[in-house]
């Protein structure tokens, strides 16, 4: 029985070491910042970069665990997808989801809960969250009505 456990552990460790050779998720070079939005205030920019910048800009700070597969694969994928949806560093191209940003923060969808666990510095106080929502509305549009929904947005559709 001990021999079987030892073989299983050796195979798992060997597999873990082998997947470190897979290059996917290792491209930690940040593209250049081309153009930022016309932020309504420096505070909005600061809050947006604090809570959203790692996934929604080209100024990503790559944490230590982003170098260890398979976590590196997930971090890289999430960052690429985040940049495709909304990128504060490439305001020279269409940002189709910019007007959704305030609503995503309001509903607690962004930043993603798992991100907040690993990045305590990105957790916003209630006052910071309110200021960010107001700032995103002022910068990108997407005005919320009294129900916390964007005008014309209804959950019962």
Protein backbone atom coordinates (compact mmCIF):
# COMPACT_ATOMS: atom_id res chain seq x y z
CA UNK A 1 0.00 0.00 0.00
CA UNK A 2 2.84 2.41 0.86
CA UNK A 3 4.43 1.65 -2.49
CA UNK A 4 1.22 2.54 -4.36
CA UNK A 5 0.86 5.81 -2.44
CA UNK A 6 4.50 6.64 -3.17
CA UNK A 7 3.98 5.96 -6.90
CA UNK A 8 0.82 8.10 -6.99
CA UNK A 9 2.60 10.97 -5.22
CA UNK A 10 5.59 10.68 -7.57
CA UNK A 11 3.30 10.74 -10.63
CA UNK A 12 1.41 13.79 -9.29
CA UNK A 13 4.62 15.67 -8.48
CA UNK A 14 6.08 14.71 -11.87
CA UNK A 15 2.91 15.86 -13.63
CA UNK A 16 2.94 19.15 -11.74
CA UNK A 17 6.57 19.74 -12.71
CA UNK A 18 5.88 18.85 -16.35
CA UNK A 19 2.96 21.28 -16.70
CA UNK A 20 5.32 24.06 -15.62
CA UNK A 21 6.90 23.67 -19.06
CA UNK A 22 3.66 24.55 -20.86
CA UNK A 23 4.14 28.16 -22.01
CA UNK A 24 0.44 29.13 -22.06
CA UNK A 25 -0.33 31.74 -19.44
CA UNK A 26 3.28 32.87 -19.19
CA UNK A 27 3.05 35.96 -21.39
CA UNK A 28 3.28 38.58 -18.66
CA UNK A 29 4.37 41.39 -20.92
CA UNK A 30 1.84 44.17 -20.65
CA UNK A 31 0.93 45.85 -23.93
CA UNK A 32 1.52 49.60 -24.00
CA UNK A 33 -1.08 52.02 -22.70
CA UNK A 34 -2.39 53.63 -25.88
CA UNK A 35 -5.14 55.92 -24.61
CA UNK A 36 -7.11 56.18 -21.38
CA UNK A 37 -10.70 57.36 -21.09
CA UNK A 38 -11.46 60.94 -20.16
CA UNK A 39 -12.02 60.13 -16.49
CA UNK A 40 -14.47 62.40 -14.70
CA UNK A 41 -11.98 62.76 -11.82
CA UNK A 42 -8.62 61.48 -10.60
CA UNK A 43 -10.51 59.68 -7.80
CA UNK A 44 -12.53 57.63 -10.30
CA UNK A 45 -9.37 56.63 -12.14
CA UNK A 46 -7.65 55.69 -8.88
CA UNK A 47 -10.60 53.57 -7.69
CA UNK A 48 -11.08 51.94 -11.09
CA UNK A 49 -7.42 51.02 -11.33
CA UNK A 50 -7.40 49.78 -7.72
CA UNK A 51 -10.41 47.49 -8.13
CA UNK A 52 -10.44 46.79 -11.88
CA UNK A 53 -7.08 47.69 -13.40
CA UNK A 54 -5.38 44.30 -13.26
CA UNK A 55 -7.97 42.75 -15.58
CA UNK A 56 -9.26 45.80 -17.45
CA UNK A 57 -6.08 47.65 -18.38
CA UNK A 58 -2.64 47.06 -19.82
CA UNK A 59 -1.10 47.89 -16.44
CA UNK A 60 -1.60 44.46 -14.89
CA UNK A 61 0.42 43.63 -11.80
CA UNK A 62 1.07 39.91 -12.17
CA UNK A 63 1.04 38.16 -8.77
CA UNK A 64 3.56 35.45 -7.88
CA UNK A 65 1.03 32.66 -8.42
CA UNK A 66 0.52 33.77 -12.02
CA UNK A 67 3.81 32.00 -12.73
CA UNK A 68 2.66 28.59 -11.53
CA UNK A 69 0.61 26.31 -13.80
CA UNK A 70 -2.28 25.59 -13.88
CA UNK A 71 -3.19 28.76 -11.97
CA UNK A 72 -1.19 30.82 -14.48
CA UNK A 73 -3.47 29.56 -17.25
CA UNK A 74 -6.58 30.79 -15.43
CA UNK A 75 -5.09 34.16 -14.48
CA UNK A 76 -3.91 34.79 -18.02
CA UNK A 77 -7.26 33.75 -19.53
CA UNK A 78 -9.22 35.97 -17.13
CA UNK A 79 -6.95 38.94 -17.88
CA UNK A 80 -7.19 38.50 -21.65
CA UNK A 81 -10.98 38.17 -21.46
CA UNK A 82 -11.25 41.19 -19.16
CA UNK A 83 -9.17 43.31 -21.51
CA UNK A 84 -11.30 42.23 -24.47
CA UNK A 85 -14.52 43.27 -22.72
CA UNK A 86 -13.27 46.58 -21.32
CA UNK A 87 -9.76 48.00 -21.46
CA UNK A 88 -8.98 51.35 -19.83
CA UNK A 89 -5.65 51.42 -21.70
CA UNK A 90 -7.01 51.12 -25.23
CA UNK A 91 -9.68 53.80 -25.33
CA UNK A 92 -8.84 54.36 -28.99
CA UNK A 93 -10.89 51.27 -29.89
CA UNK A 94 -14.60 50.61 -29.24
CA UNK A 95 -15.38 49.64 -25.64
CA UNK A 96 -18.79 48.01 -26.03
CA UNK A 97 -19.21 47.17 -22.35
CA UNK A 98 -18.11 50.50 -20.86
CA UNK A 99 -21.67 51.60 -20.12
CA UNK A 100 -22.18 48.32 -18.18
CA UNK A 101 -19.28 48.99 -15.80
CA UNK A 102 -21.27 50.89 -13.16
CA UNK A 103 -24.03 48.28 -13.17
CA UNK A 104 -21.52 45.44 -12.78
CA UNK A 105 -20.00 47.12 -9.72
CA UNK A 106 -23.45 47.99 -8.33
CA UNK A 107 -24.60 44.36 -8.57
CA UNK A 108 -21.40 43.06 -6.98
CA UNK A 109 -20.38 41.21 -10.15
CA UNK A 110 -17.17 43.20 -10.41
CA UNK A 111 -14.59 42.89 -9.22
CA UNK A 112 -15.10 39.15 -9.32
CA UNK A 113 -15.40 37.75 -5.77
CA UNK A 114 -12.45 35.37 -6.29
CA UNK A 115 -10.31 38.38 -7.26
CA UNK A 116 -11.13 40.11 -3.99
CA UNK A 117 -10.02 37.07 -2.01
CA UNK A 118 -6.60 37.06 -3.61
CA UNK A 119 -6.26 40.86 -3.81
CA UNK A 120 -7.38 42.46 -0.54
CA UNK A 121 -6.10 45.84 -1.77
CA UNK A 122 -8.85 45.77 -4.42
CA UNK A 123 -11.66 45.45 -1.88
CA UNK A 124 -13.54 48.71 -1.71
CA UNK A 125 -15.30 50.20 1.27
CA UNK A 126 -18.98 51.05 0.81
CA UNK A 127 -18.08 54.72 0.33
CA UNK A 128 -15.39 53.86 -2.24
CA UNK A 129 -17.79 51.57 -4.09
CA UNK A 130 -20.44 54.31 -4.24
CA UNK A 131 -17.84 56.82 -5.45
CA UNK A 132 -16.64 54.37 -8.10
CA UNK A 133 -20.18 53.71 -9.34
CA UNK A 134 -20.90 57.45 -9.59
CA UNK A 135 -17.56 58.04 -11.31
CA UNK A 136 -18.09 55.22 -13.81
CA UNK A 137 -21.54 56.59 -14.60
CA UNK A 138 -20.10 60.06 -15.13
CA UNK A 139 -17.22 58.76 -17.24
CA UNK A 140 -18.90 56.07 -19.33
CA UNK A 141 -22.65 56.65 -19.04
CA UNK A 142 -24.97 53.83 -18.06
CA UNK A 143 -27.07 55.80 -15.59
CA UNK A 144 -28.73 53.66 -12.92
CA UNK A 145 -32.33 54.15 -11.88
CA UNK A 146 -33.54 53.94 -8.28
CA UNK A 147 -33.67 50.12 -8.41
CA UNK A 148 -29.96 49.85 -9.10
CA UNK A 149 -30.70 49.00 -12.72
CA UNK A 150 -29.81 50.89 -15.82
CA UNK A 151 -32.69 52.74 -17.39
CA UNK A 152 -34.43 50.35 -19.75
CA UNK A 153 -32.93 47.28 -18.02
CA UNK A 154 -35.41 44.92 -16.39
CA UNK A 155 -34.64 41.64 -14.66
CA UNK A 156 -38.01 40.17 -15.62
CA UNK A 157 -37.31 40.22 -19.38
